[in-house]
């Protein structure tokens, strides 16, 4: 099996870098949102509702595209008529995916942002995603783990331990920082399960993600309107969070990353999430004024190195042997 063509490789790298940049801005924007007074429910509602509006045109059935679907509508098959809402997914799979990347995932990670520092989020959550996806692949699919992957996971674990050694003051008085870290552990685990299932089920990225987004938006809107506080952040803050949550985090990052996977394959494209932690921390310096401590830098370095080493890129990039006379 040959690798991607040079043009496809460049395009895949471009989409991967786009996803990485979107996620880094999204992480920093979420941290800013909690500092501006947004609740976890506020940010979650913005993420899914704005993204749902963006995904809706991609999910709507196009007239004249599927004659069989037209005949089903003409004979009065109402369930098939609205099947586009589920993206063609069976109900059980749609429910499971909604748990993994829908409101439970977003509520966990947004709650964590309100308790623990940003540097914890950008290391613990991606690290747990890597650990979970690999563990499921080994234990359920019986796939042997390469030596480089094992070494990388050990480095990721070392980074998580280094991050846990330092417990700065909590952003929420009376709540310990380690509770926020547990939220990141939970969100990373859910995303790892989603990563495993998307590969196992060979999901269509746009339709599957769009269907989960529509269902999630329908779930979060009622409690959002019921629990909307009297004092809300200014309109400018809402506009920024529409960009951070819905446009970047909820839509563009997912589409760009899935396109990168299609062009490069899961192995090569998996390098890009490993670039999110350093980018997010660097963005946080000018945006939030938060400088990581030496311990946090050590944890970030260990975990980021582990994510890269686990991809076994070094052994796959062999230098060409020079020919004689050249």
C-alpha atoms as a PDB file:
ATOM      1  CA  UNK A   1       0.000   0.000   0.000  1.00  0.00           C
ATOM      2  CA  UNK A   2       1.563   3.288  -1.075  1.00  0.00           C
ATOM      3  CA  UNK A   3       1.456   6.535   0.843  1.00  0.00           C
ATOM      4  CA  UNK A   4      -0.347   9.676  -0.187  1.00  0.00           C
ATOM      5  CA  UNK A   5       0.774  11.596  -3.275  1.00  0.00           C
ATOM      6  CA  UNK A   6       2.953  14.703  -2.689  1.00  0.00           C
ATOM      7  CA  UNK A   7       0.077  17.090  -3.443  1.00  0.00           C
ATOM      8  CA  UNK A   8      -2.247  15.142  -1.151  1.00  0.00           C
ATOM      9  CA  UNK A   9       0.409  15.109   1.566  1.00  0.00           C
ATOM     10  CA  UNK A  10       0.806  18.878   1.400  1.00  0.00           C
ATOM     11  CA  UNK A  11      -2.951  19.405   1.461  1.00  0.00           C
ATOM     12  CA  UNK A  12      -3.337  16.984   4.362  1.00  0.00           C
ATOM     13  CA  UNK A  13      -0.612  18.765   6.304  1.00  0.00           C
ATOM     14  CA  UNK A  14      -2.328  22.087   5.651  1.00  0.00           C
ATOM     15  CA  UNK A  15      -5.679  20.802   6.931  1.00  0.00           C
ATOM     16  CA  UNK A  16      -3.975  19.242   9.960  1.00  0.00           C
ATOM     17  CA  UNK A  17      -2.234  22.505  10.844  1.00  0.00           C
ATOM     18  CA  UNK A  18      -5.542  24.334  10.418  1.00  0.00           C
ATOM     19  CA  UNK A  19      -7.241  21.962  12.866  1.00  0.00           C
ATOM     20  CA  UNK A  20      -4.360  22.319  15.311  1.00  0.00           C
ATOM     21  CA  UNK A  21      -4.551  26.120  15.211  1.00  0.00           C
ATOM     22  CA  UNK A  22      -8.355  26.063  15.634  1.00  0.00           C
ATOM     23  CA  UNK A  23      -8.130  23.787  18.677  1.00  0.00           C
ATOM     24  CA  UNK A  24      -5.390  25.906  20.246  1.00  0.00           C
ATOM     25  CA  UNK A  25      -7.470  29.090  19.883  1.00  0.00           C
ATOM     26  CA  UNK A  26     -10.569  27.221  21.084  1.00  0.00           C
ATOM     27  CA  UNK A  27      -8.797  26.017  24.255  1.00  0.00           C
ATOM     28  CA  UNK A  28      -7.525  29.505  25.048  1.00  0.00           C
ATOM     29  CA  UNK A  29     -10.907  31.049  24.205  1.00  0.00           C
ATOM     30  CA  UNK A  30     -12.694  28.657  26.552  1.00  0.00           C
ATOM     31  CA  UNK A  31     -10.326  29.616  29.353  1.00  0.00           C
ATOM     32  CA  UNK A  32     -11.051  33.285  28.609  1.00  0.00           C
ATOM     33  CA  UNK A  33     -14.789  32.592  28.549  1.00  0.00           C
ATOM     34  CA  UNK A  34     -14.767  31.169  32.051  1.00  0.00           C
ATOM     35  CA  UNK A  35     -12.798  34.208  33.218  1.00  0.00           C
ATOM     36  CA  UNK A  36     -15.383  36.508  31.560  1.00  0.00           C
ATOM     37  CA  UNK A  37     -18.215  34.936  33.535  1.00  0.00           C
ATOM     38  CA  UNK A  38     -19.580  32.337  31.123  1.00  0.00           C
ATOM     39  CA  UNK A  39     -20.818  29.134  32.711  1.00  0.00           C
ATOM     40  CA  UNK A  40     -20.138  25.648  31.364  1.00  0.00           C
ATOM     41  CA  UNK A  41     -23.734  25.558  30.083  1.00  0.00           C
ATOM     42  CA  UNK A  42     -23.299  28.895  28.269  1.00  0.00           C
ATOM     43  CA  UNK A  43     -20.189  27.734  26.419  1.00  0.00           C
ATOM     44  CA  UNK A  44     -21.669  24.318  25.672  1.00  0.00           C
ATOM     45  CA  UNK A  45     -24.813  25.882  24.181  1.00  0.00           C
ATOM     46  CA  UNK A  46     -22.782  28.222  21.995  1.00  0.00           C
ATOM     47  CA  UNK A  47     -20.580  25.366  20.774  1.00  0.00           C
ATOM     48  CA  UNK A  48     -23.402  23.101  19.659  1.00  0.00           C
ATOM     49  CA  UNK A  49     -26.001  25.615  18.499  1.00  0.00           C
ATOM     50  CA  UNK A  50     -23.631  27.667  16.365  1.00  0.00           C
ATOM     51  CA  UNK A  51     -22.001  24.519  14.956  1.00  0.00           C
ATOM     52  CA  UNK A  52     -25.450  23.029  14.260  1.00  0.00           C
ATOM     53  CA  UNK A  53     -26.338  26.046  12.118  1.00  0.00           C
ATOM     54  CA  UNK A  54     -23.082  25.590  10.204  1.00  0.00           C
ATOM     55  CA  UNK A  55     -23.535  21.829   9.747  1.00  0.00           C
ATOM     56  CA  UNK A  56     -27.213  22.048   8.775  1.00  0.00           C
ATOM     57  CA  UNK A  57     -26.656  22.942   5.074  1.00  0.00           C
ATOM     58  CA  UNK A  58     -24.235  19.993   4.786  1.00  0.00           C
ATOM     59  CA  UNK A  59     -26.808  17.540   6.167  1.00  0.00           C
ATOM     60  CA  UNK A  60     -29.948  18.696   4.354  1.00  0.00           C
ATOM     61  CA  UNK A  61     -30.968  16.312   1.537  1.00  0.00           C
ATOM     62  CA  UNK A  62     -30.506  17.809  -1.887  1.00  0.00           C
ATOM     63  CA  UNK A  63     -33.394  17.659  -4.318  1.00  0.00           C
ATOM     64  CA  UNK A  64     -32.936  15.229  -7.185  1.00  0.00           C
ATOM     65  CA  UNK A  65     -29.847  13.643  -5.635  1.00  0.00           C
ATOM     66  CA  UNK A  66     -31.442  10.409  -4.388  1.00  0.00           C
ATOM     67  CA  UNK A  67     -34.367   9.086  -6.494  1.00  0.00           C
ATOM     68  CA  UNK A  68     -34.980   6.237  -4.053  1.00  0.00           C
ATOM     69  CA  UNK A  69     -35.414   8.717  -1.221  1.00  0.00           C
ATOM     70  CA  UNK A  70     -37.877  10.660  -3.361  1.00  0.00           C
ATOM     71  CA  UNK A  71     -39.957   7.551  -3.972  1.00  0.00           C
ATOM     72  CA  UNK A  72     -39.927   6.760  -0.246  1.00  0.00           C
ATOM     73  CA  UNK A  73     -41.255  10.235   0.527  1.00  0.00           C
ATOM     74  CA  UNK A  74     -43.922   9.917  -2.151  1.00  0.00           C
ATOM     75  CA  UNK A  75     -45.167   6.642  -0.689  1.00  0.00           C
ATOM     76  CA  UNK A  76     -45.334   8.193   2.777  1.00  0.00           C
ATOM     77  CA  UNK A  77     -42.273   6.941   4.666  1.00  0.00           C
ATOM     78  CA  UNK A  78     -41.917   9.670   7.317  1.00  0.00           C
ATOM     79  CA  UNK A  79     -39.006   8.046   9.154  1.00  0.00           C
ATOM     80  CA  UNK A  80     -36.884   7.869   6.028  1.00  0.00           C
ATOM     81  CA  UNK A  81     -37.866  11.415   5.181  1.00  0.00           C
ATOM     82  CA  UNK A  82     -36.161  12.672   8.337  1.00  0.00           C
ATOM     83  CA  UNK A  83     -33.284  10.196   8.368  1.00  0.00           C
ATOM     84  CA  UNK A  84     -30.855  12.945   7.312  1.00  0.00           C
ATOM     85  CA  UNK A  85     -31.052  14.321  10.878  1.00  0.00           C
ATOM     86  CA  UNK A  86     -29.311  11.212  12.222  1.00  0.00           C
ATOM     87  CA  UNK A  87     -26.714  11.216   9.453  1.00  0.00           C
ATOM     88  CA  UNK A  88     -27.779   7.687   8.532  1.00  0.00           C
ATOM     89  CA  UNK A  89     -26.533   6.372  11.888  1.00  0.00           C
ATOM     90  CA  UNK A  90     -28.403   3.705  13.872  1.00  0.00           C
ATOM     91  CA  UNK A  91     -29.961   5.156  17.005  1.00  0.00           C
ATOM     92  CA  UNK A  92     -27.679   3.199  19.363  1.00  0.00           C
ATOM     93  CA  UNK A  93     -24.548   4.503  17.669  1.00  0.00           C
ATOM     94  CA  UNK A  94     -25.877   8.050  17.588  1.00  0.00           C
ATOM     95  CA  UNK A  95     -26.582   7.944  21.342  1.00  0.00           C
ATOM     96  CA  UNK A  96     -23.116   6.577  22.118  1.00  0.00           C
ATOM     97  CA  UNK A  97     -21.389   9.179  19.946  1.00  0.00           C
ATOM     98  CA  UNK A  98     -23.457  11.943  21.547  1.00  0.00           C
ATOM     99  CA  UNK A  99     -22.239  10.814  24.964  1.00  0.00           C
ATOM    100  CA  UNK A 100     -18.621  10.769  23.747  1.00  0.00           C
ATOM    101  CA  UNK A 101     -18.388  14.163  21.992  1.00  0.00           C
ATOM    102  CA  UNK A 102     -21.704  15.802  22.899  1.00  0.00           C
ATOM    103  CA  UNK A 103     -22.902  17.546  26.086  1.00  0.00           C
ATOM    104  CA  UNK A 104     -21.182  15.196  28.614  1.00  0.00           C
ATOM    105  CA  UNK A 105     -17.775  15.768  26.979  1.00  0.00           C
ATOM    106  CA  UNK A 106     -18.237  19.532  26.680  1.00  0.00           C
ATOM    107  CA  UNK A 107     -19.642  19.902  30.195  1.00  0.00           C
ATOM    108  CA  UNK A 108     -16.647  18.063  31.652  1.00  0.00           C
ATOM    109  CA  UNK A 109     -14.006  20.058  29.805  1.00  0.00           C
ATOM    110  CA  UNK A 110     -15.701  23.442  30.367  1.00  0.00           C
ATOM    111  CA  UNK A 111     -16.133  22.693  34.078  1.00  0.00           C
ATOM    112  CA  UNK A 112     -12.460  21.776  34.249  1.00  0.00           C
ATOM    113  CA  UNK A 113     -11.529  25.130  32.730  1.00  0.00           C
ATOM    114  CA  UNK A 114     -13.350  26.857  35.583  1.00  0.00           C
ATOM    115  CA  UNK A 115     -11.259  25.029  38.201  1.00  0.00           C
ATOM    116  CA  UNK A 116      -7.823  24.058  36.846  1.00  0.00           C
ATOM    117  CA  UNK A 117      -5.291  26.098  34.834  1.00  0.00           C
ATOM    118  CA  UNK A 118      -5.125  25.992  31.044  1.00  0.00           C
ATOM    119  CA  UNK A 119      -1.763  24.201  31.081  1.00  0.00           C
ATOM    120  CA  UNK A 120      -3.425  21.203  32.779  1.00  0.00           C
ATOM    121  CA  UNK A 121      -6.191  21.042  30.167  1.00  0.00           C
ATOM    122  CA  UNK A 122      -3.983  21.034  27.083  1.00  0.00           C
ATOM    123  CA  UNK A 123      -1.868  18.158  28.423  1.00  0.00           C
ATOM    124  CA  UNK A 124      -4.207  15.929  30.437  1.00  0.00           C
ATOM    125  CA  UNK A 125      -7.086  15.783  27.961  1.00  0.00           C
ATOM    126  CA  UNK A 126      -5.020  14.947  24.822  1.00  0.00           C
ATOM    127  CA  UNK A 127      -2.892  12.550  26.864  1.00  0.00           C
ATOM    128  CA  UNK A 128      -5.920  10.623  28.095  1.00  0.00           C
ATOM    129  CA  UNK A 129      -7.288  10.517  24.556  1.00  0.00           C
ATOM    130  CA  UNK A 130      -4.080   8.866  23.378  1.00  0.00           C
ATOM    131  CA  UNK A 131      -4.030   6.396  26.273  1.00  0.00           C
ATOM    132  CA  UNK A 132      -7.702   5.457  25.887  1.00  0.00           C
ATOM    133  CA  UNK A 133      -7.656   4.973  22.120  1.00  0.00           C
ATOM    134  CA  UNK A 134      -4.548   2.790  22.301  1.00  0.00           C
ATOM    135  CA  UNK A 135      -5.843   0.731  25.233  1.00  0.00           C
ATOM    136  CA  UNK A 136      -9.126  -0.007  23.456  1.00  0.00           C
ATOM    137  CA  UNK A 137      -7.276  -1.001  20.297  1.00  0.00           C
ATOM    138  CA  UNK A 138      -5.011  -3.400  22.216  1.00  0.00           C
ATOM    139  CA  UNK A 139      -7.585  -5.028  24.468  1.00  0.00           C
ATOM    140  CA  UNK A 140     -10.613  -5.129  22.151  1.00  0.00           C
ATOM    141  CA  UNK A 141      -9.027  -5.535  18.713  1.00  0.00           C
ATOM    142  CA  UNK A 142      -6.008  -7.538  19.916  1.00  0.00           C
ATOM    143  CA  UNK A 143      -3.623  -5.289  18.017  1.00  0.00           C
ATOM    144  CA  UNK A 144      -0.015  -5.449  19.266  1.00  0.00           C
ATOM    145  CA  UNK A 145       1.417  -2.135  20.421  1.00  0.00           C
ATOM    146  CA  UNK A 146       4.721  -1.080  18.786  1.00  0.00           C
ATOM    147  CA  UNK A 147       7.691  -0.407  21.036  1.00  0.00           C
ATOM    148  CA  UNK A 148       7.774   3.272  20.095  1.00  0.00           C
ATOM    149  CA  UNK A 149       4.076   3.590  20.976  1.00  0.00           C
ATOM    150  CA  UNK A 150       4.717   2.060  24.410  1.00  0.00           C
ATOM    151  CA  UNK A 151       7.635   4.442  25.017  1.00  0.00           C
ATOM    152  CA  UNK A 152       5.475   7.381  23.988  1.00  0.00           C
ATOM    153  CA  UNK A 153       2.676   6.409  26.338  1.00  0.00           C
ATOM    154  CA  UNK A 154       5.161   6.152  29.201  1.00  0.00           C
ATOM    155  CA  UNK A 155       6.323   9.691  28.433  1.00  0.00           C
ATOM    156  CA  UNK A 156       2.712  10.892  28.334  1.00  0.00           C
ATOM    157  CA  UNK A 157       2.102   9.280  31.719  1.00  0.00           C
ATOM    158  CA  UNK A 158       5.221  11.008  33.065  1.00  0.00           C
ATOM    159  CA  UNK A 159       3.886  14.337  31.834  1.00  0.00           C
ATOM    160  CA  UNK A 160       0.552  13.754  33.541  1.00  0.00           C
ATOM    161  CA  UNK A 161       2.305  12.919  36.806  1.00  0.00           C
ATOM    162  CA  UNK A 162       4.473  16.046  36.528  1.00  0.00           C
ATOM    163  CA  UNK A 163       1.372  18.158  35.995  1.00  0.00           C
ATOM    164  CA  UNK A 164      -0.328  16.579  38.989  1.00  0.00           C
ATOM    165  CA  UNK A 165       2.628  17.336  41.298  1.00  0.00           C
ATOM    166  CA  UNK A 166       1.860  21.050  41.257  1.00  0.00           C
ATOM    167  CA  UNK A 167      -1.464  22.179  42.689  1.00  0.00           C
ATOM    168  CA  UNK A 168      -1.883  25.945  42.193  1.00  0.00           C
ATOM    169  CA  UNK A 169      -4.745  27.917  43.628  1.00  0.00           C
ATOM    170  CA  UNK A 170      -8.117  26.891  42.215  1.00  0.00           C
ATOM    171  CA  UNK A 171     -10.017  29.330  40.000  1.00  0.00           C
ATOM    172  CA  UNK A 172     -13.141  28.412  42.006  1.00  0.00           C
ATOM    173  CA  UNK A 173     -12.773  29.124  45.748  1.00  0.00           C
ATOM    174  CA  UNK A 174     -13.268  26.048  47.898  1.00  0.00           C
ATOM    175  CA  UNK A 175     -12.786  23.606  44.988  1.00  0.00           C
ATOM    176  CA  UNK A 176      -9.523  21.673  44.682  1.00  0.00           C
ATOM    177  CA  UNK A 177      -7.565  21.846  41.415  1.00  0.00           C
ATOM    178  CA  UNK A 178      -7.427  18.047  41.178  1.00  0.00           C
ATOM    179  CA  UNK A 179     -11.201  18.017  40.639  1.00  0.00           C
ATOM    180  CA  UNK A 180     -10.663  20.075  37.509  1.00  0.00           C
ATOM    181  CA  UNK A 181      -7.940  17.645  36.462  1.00  0.00           C
ATOM    182  CA  UNK A 182     -10.440  14.789  36.873  1.00  0.00           C
ATOM    183  CA  UNK A 183     -12.781  16.640  34.504  1.00  0.00           C
ATOM    184  CA  UNK A 184      -9.995  16.709  31.922  1.00  0.00           C
ATOM    185  CA  UNK A 185      -9.347  13.009  32.496  1.00  0.00           C
ATOM    186  CA  UNK A 186     -13.025  12.307  31.825  1.00  0.00           C
ATOM    187  CA  UNK A 187     -13.219  14.500  28.718  1.00  0.00           C
ATOM    188  CA  UNK A 188     -10.034  13.010  27.275  1.00  0.00           C
ATOM    189  CA  UNK A 189     -11.294   9.493  27.925  1.00  0.00           C
ATOM    190  CA  UNK A 190     -14.577  10.201  26.128  1.00  0.00           C
ATOM    191  CA  UNK A 191     -12.744  11.649  23.127  1.00  0.00           C
ATOM    192  CA  UNK A 192     -10.476   8.593  23.065  1.00  0.00           C
ATOM    193  CA  UNK A 193     -13.535   6.324  22.906  1.00  0.00           C
ATOM    194  CA  UNK A 194     -14.885   8.449  20.046  1.00  0.00           C
ATOM    195  CA  UNK A 195     -11.555   8.199  18.212  1.00  0.00           C
ATOM    196  CA  UNK A 196     -11.608   4.419  18.517  1.00  0.00           C
ATOM    197  CA  UNK A 197     -15.254   4.090  17.459  1.00  0.00           C
ATOM    198  CA  UNK A 198     -14.909   6.423  14.482  1.00  0.00           C
ATOM    199  CA  UNK A 199     -12.109   4.252  13.095  1.00  0.00           C
ATOM    200  CA  UNK A 200     -13.839   0.980  13.952  1.00  0.00           C
ATOM    201  CA  UNK A 201     -17.184   2.042  12.444  1.00  0.00           C
ATOM    202  CA  UNK A 202     -15.582   3.974   9.532  1.00  0.00           C
ATOM    203  CA  UNK A 203     -17.864   6.932  10.103  1.00  0.00           C
ATOM    204  CA  UNK A 204     -18.491   9.642   7.561  1.00  0.00           C
ATOM    205  CA  UNK A 205     -16.925  12.614   9.391  1.00  0.00           C
ATOM    206  CA  UNK A 206     -19.283  15.362   8.225  1.00  0.00           C
ATOM    207  CA  UNK A 207     -22.552  13.433   8.574  1.00  0.00           C
ATOM    208  CA  UNK A 208     -21.673  11.747  11.866  1.00  0.00           C
ATOM    209  CA  UNK A 209     -20.323  14.895  13.515  1.00  0.00           C
ATOM    210  CA  UNK A 210     -23.183  16.980  12.120  1.00  0.00           C
ATOM    211  CA  UNK A 211     -25.812  14.567  13.432  1.00  0.00           C
ATOM    212  CA  UNK A 212     -24.262  14.550  16.905  1.00  0.00           C
ATOM    213  CA  UNK A 213     -24.115  18.352  16.838  1.00  0.00           C
ATOM    214  CA  UNK A 214     -27.806  18.681  15.934  1.00  0.00           C
ATOM    215  CA  UNK A 215     -28.872  16.252  18.679  1.00  0.00           C
ATOM    216  CA  UNK A 216     -26.624  17.988  21.209  1.00  0.00           C
ATOM    217  CA  UNK A 217     -28.010  21.417  20.333  1.00  0.00           C
ATOM    218  CA  UNK A 218     -31.561  20.141  20.883  1.00  0.00           C
ATOM    219  CA  UNK A 219     -30.533  18.743  24.287  1.00  0.00           C
ATOM    220  CA  UNK A 220     -28.777  21.838  25.654  1.00  0.00           C
ATOM    221  CA  UNK A 221     -31.140  24.587  24.480  1.00  0.00           C
ATOM    222  CA  UNK A 222     -34.007  23.957  26.985  1.00  0.00           C
ATOM    223  CA  UNK A 223     -31.841  24.007  30.150  1.00  0.00           C
ATOM    224  CA  UNK A 224     -29.923  27.010  28.774  1.00  0.00           C
ATOM    225  CA  UNK A 225     -33.086  29.117  28.483  1.00  0.00           C
ATOM    226  CA  UNK A 226     -34.407  27.905  31.844  1.00  0.00           C
ATOM    227  CA  UNK A 227     -31.146  28.606  33.707  1.00  0.00           C
ATOM    228  CA  UNK A 228     -30.117  31.805  31.902  1.00  0.00           C
ATOM    229  CA  UNK A 229     -28.909  34.191  34.644  1.00  0.00           C
ATOM    230  CA  UNK A 230     -30.081  37.767  34.946  1.00  0.00           C
ATOM    231  CA  UNK A 231     -26.514  39.099  34.710  1.00  0.00           C
ATOM    232  CA  UNK A 232     -24.888  38.032  31.449  1.00  0.00           C
ATOM    233  CA  UNK A 233     -21.547  38.981  29.861  1.00  0.00           C
ATOM    234  CA  UNK A 234     -21.538  41.887  27.365  1.00  0.00           C
ATOM    235  CA  UNK A 235     -22.472  41.288  23.700  1.00  0.00           C
ATOM    236  CA  UNK A 236     -18.846  41.567  22.571  1.00  0.00           C
ATOM    237  CA  UNK A 237     -17.910  38.659  24.820  1.00  0.00           C
ATOM    238  CA  UNK A 238     -20.732  36.559  23.343  1.00  0.00           C
ATOM    239  CA  UNK A 239     -19.521  37.376  19.836  1.00  0.00           C
ATOM    240  CA  UNK A 240     -15.994  36.219  20.676  1.00  0.00           C
ATOM    241  CA  UNK A 241     -17.311  32.986  22.165  1.00  0.00           C
ATOM    242  CA  UNK A 242     -19.450  32.332  19.081  1.00  0.00           C
ATOM    243  CA  UNK A 243     -16.164  32.361  17.160  1.00  0.00           C
ATOM    244  CA  UNK A 244     -14.201  30.303  19.714  1.00  0.00           C
ATOM    245  CA  UNK A 245     -16.859  27.725  20.548  1.00  0.00           C
ATOM    246  CA  UNK A 246     -19.088  27.269  17.509  1.00  0.00           C
ATOM    247  CA  UNK A 247     -17.026  28.261  14.484  1.00  0.00           C
ATOM    248  CA  UNK A 248     -13.534  27.093  15.518  1.00  0.00           C
ATOM    249  CA  UNK A 249     -14.038  24.378  18.150  1.00  0.00           C
ATOM    250  CA  UNK A 250     -17.390  22.977  17.077  1.00  0.00           C
ATOM    251  CA  UNK A 251     -17.073  23.049  13.288  1.00  0.00           C
ATOM    252  CA  UNK A 252     -13.856  24.076  11.505  1.00  0.00           C
ATOM    253  CA  UNK A 253     -11.438  22.109  13.688  1.00  0.00           C
ATOM    254  CA  UNK A 254     -13.408  18.879  13.268  1.00  0.00           C
ATOM    255  CA  UNK A 255     -13.865  19.275   9.515  1.00  0.00           C
ATOM    256  CA  UNK A 256     -10.217  20.173   8.933  1.00  0.00           C
ATOM    257  CA  UNK A 257      -8.944  17.285  11.060  1.00  0.00           C
ATOM    258  CA  UNK A 258     -11.224  14.728   9.413  1.00  0.00           C
ATOM    259  CA  UNK A 259     -10.118  15.977   5.987  1.00  0.00           C
ATOM    260  CA  UNK A 260      -6.505  15.566   7.069  1.00  0.00           C
ATOM    261  CA  UNK A 261      -7.258  11.979   8.126  1.00  0.00           C
ATOM    262  CA  UNK A 262      -8.808  11.284   4.715  1.00  0.00           C
ATOM    263  CA  UNK A 263      -5.738  12.618   2.890  1.00  0.00           C
ATOM    264  CA  UNK A 264      -2.947  11.332   5.149  1.00  0.00           C
ATOM    265  CA  UNK A 265      -4.466   8.381   6.956  1.00  0.00           C
ATOM    266  CA  UNK A 266      -4.845   8.053  10.735  1.00  0.00           C
ATOM    267  CA  UNK A 267      -1.134   7.480  11.422  1.00  0.00           C
ATOM    268  CA  UNK A 268       0.296  10.624   9.844  1.00  0.00           C
ATOM    269  CA  UNK A 269      -2.601  12.900  10.747  1.00  0.00           C
ATOM    270  CA  UNK A 270      -2.393  11.914  14.421  1.00  0.00           C
ATOM    271  CA  UNK A 271       0.729  14.065  14.776  1.00  0.00           C
ATOM    272  CA  UNK A 272      -1.273  17.286  14.715  1.00  0.00           C
ATOM    273  CA  UNK A 273      -3.163  16.972  18.039  1.00  0.00           C
ATOM    274  CA  UNK A 274       0.269  16.621  19.654  1.00  0.00           C
ATOM    275  CA  UNK A 275       1.008  20.199  18.555  1.00  0.00           C
ATOM    276  CA  UNK A 276      -2.039  21.660  20.337  1.00  0.00           C
ATOM    277  CA  UNK A 277      -0.556  21.804  23.888  1.00  0.00           C
ATOM    278  CA  UNK A 278       2.468  24.019  23.091  1.00  0.00           C
ATOM    279  CA  UNK A 279       0.415  26.217  20.770  1.00  0.00           C
ATOM    280  CA  UNK A 280      -2.340  26.728  23.351  1.00  0.00           C
ATOM    281  CA  UNK A 281       0.141  27.576  26.100  1.00  0.00           C
ATOM    282  CA  UNK A 282       1.928  30.057  23.840  1.00  0.00           C
ATOM    283  CA  UNK A 283      -1.391  31.663  22.879  1.00  0.00           C
ATOM    284  CA  UNK A 284      -2.375  31.947  26.542  1.00  0.00           C
ATOM    285  CA  UNK A 285       0.625  34.164  27.288  1.00  0.00           C
ATOM    286  CA  UNK A 286      -0.558  37.205  25.272  1.00  0.00           C
ATOM    287  CA  UNK A 287      -4.294  36.471  25.603  1.00  0.00           C
ATOM    288  CA  UNK A 288      -4.607  35.633  29.295  1.00  0.00           C
ATOM    289  CA  UNK A 289      -1.216  36.648  30.711  1.00  0.00           C
ATOM    290  CA  UNK A 290      -0.764  33.146  32.168  1.00  0.00           C
ATOM    291  CA  UNK A 291       2.866  31.976  32.241  1.00  0.00           C
ATOM    292  CA  UNK A 292       3.353  28.266  32.990  1.00  0.00           C
ATOM    293  CA  UNK A 293       5.633  27.315  35.863  1.00  0.00           C
ATOM    294  CA  UNK A 294       8.762  25.203  35.483  1.00  0.00           C
ATOM    295  CA  UNK A 295       6.837  22.103  36.588  1.00  0.00           C
ATOM    296  CA  UNK A 296       4.091  22.783  34.069  1.00  0.00           C
ATOM    297  CA  UNK A 297       6.630  23.326  31.297  1.00  0.00           C
ATOM    298  CA  UNK A 298       8.219  19.995  32.212  1.00  0.00           C
ATOM    299  CA  UNK A 299       4.867  18.211  32.073  1.00  0.00           C
ATOM    300  CA  UNK A 300       4.005  19.827  28.750  1.00  0.00           C
ATOM    301  CA  UNK A 301       7.386  18.860  27.290  1.00  0.00           C
ATOM    302  CA  UNK A 302       7.137  15.256  28.472  1.00  0.00           C
ATOM    303  CA  UNK A 303       3.554  14.740  27.313  1.00  0.00           C
ATOM    304  CA  UNK A 304       4.083  16.461  23.957  1.00  0.00           C
ATOM    305  CA  UNK A 305       7.234  14.427  23.328  1.00  0.00           C
ATOM    306  CA  UNK A 306       5.352  11.269  24.260  1.00  0.00           C
ATOM    307  CA  UNK A 307       2.554  12.034  21.822  1.00  0.00           C
ATOM    308  CA  UNK A 308       5.104  12.475  19.016  1.00  0.00           C
ATOM    309  CA  UNK A 309       7.233   9.440  19.929  1.00  0.00           C
ATOM    310  CA  UNK A 310       4.163   7.214  20.143  1.00  0.00           C
ATOM    311  CA  UNK A 311       3.511   7.856  16.442  1.00  0.00           C
ATOM    312  CA  UNK A 312       6.830   6.142  15.580  1.00  0.00           C
ATOM    313  CA  UNK A 313       7.691   8.825  13.051  1.00  0.00           C
ATOM    314  CA  UNK A 314      11.439   8.566  13.464  1.00  0.00           C
ATOM    315  CA  UNK A 315      11.666   4.964  12.307  1.00  0.00           C
ATOM    316  CA  UNK A 316       9.387   5.676   9.351  1.00  0.00           C
ATOM    317  CA  UNK A 317      11.454   8.606   8.041  1.00  0.00           C
ATOM    318  CA  UNK A 318      14.523   6.953   6.594  1.00  0.00           C
ATOM    319  CA  UNK A 319      17.161   9.120   4.998  1.00  0.00           C
ATOM    320  CA  UNK A 320      17.777   8.378   1.317  1.00  0.00           C
ATOM    321  CA  UNK A 321      21.031   6.598   0.511  1.00  0.00           C
ATOM    322  CA  UNK A 322      23.175   8.827  -1.718  1.00  0.00           C
ATOM    323  CA  UNK A 323      24.168   7.305  -5.035  1.00  0.00           C
ATOM    324  CA  UNK A 324      27.736   7.216  -6.251  1.00  0.00           C
ATOM    325  CA  UNK A 325      28.726  10.052  -8.473  1.00  0.00           C
ATOM    326  CA  UNK A 326      26.304  12.515  -6.899  1.00  0.00           C
END
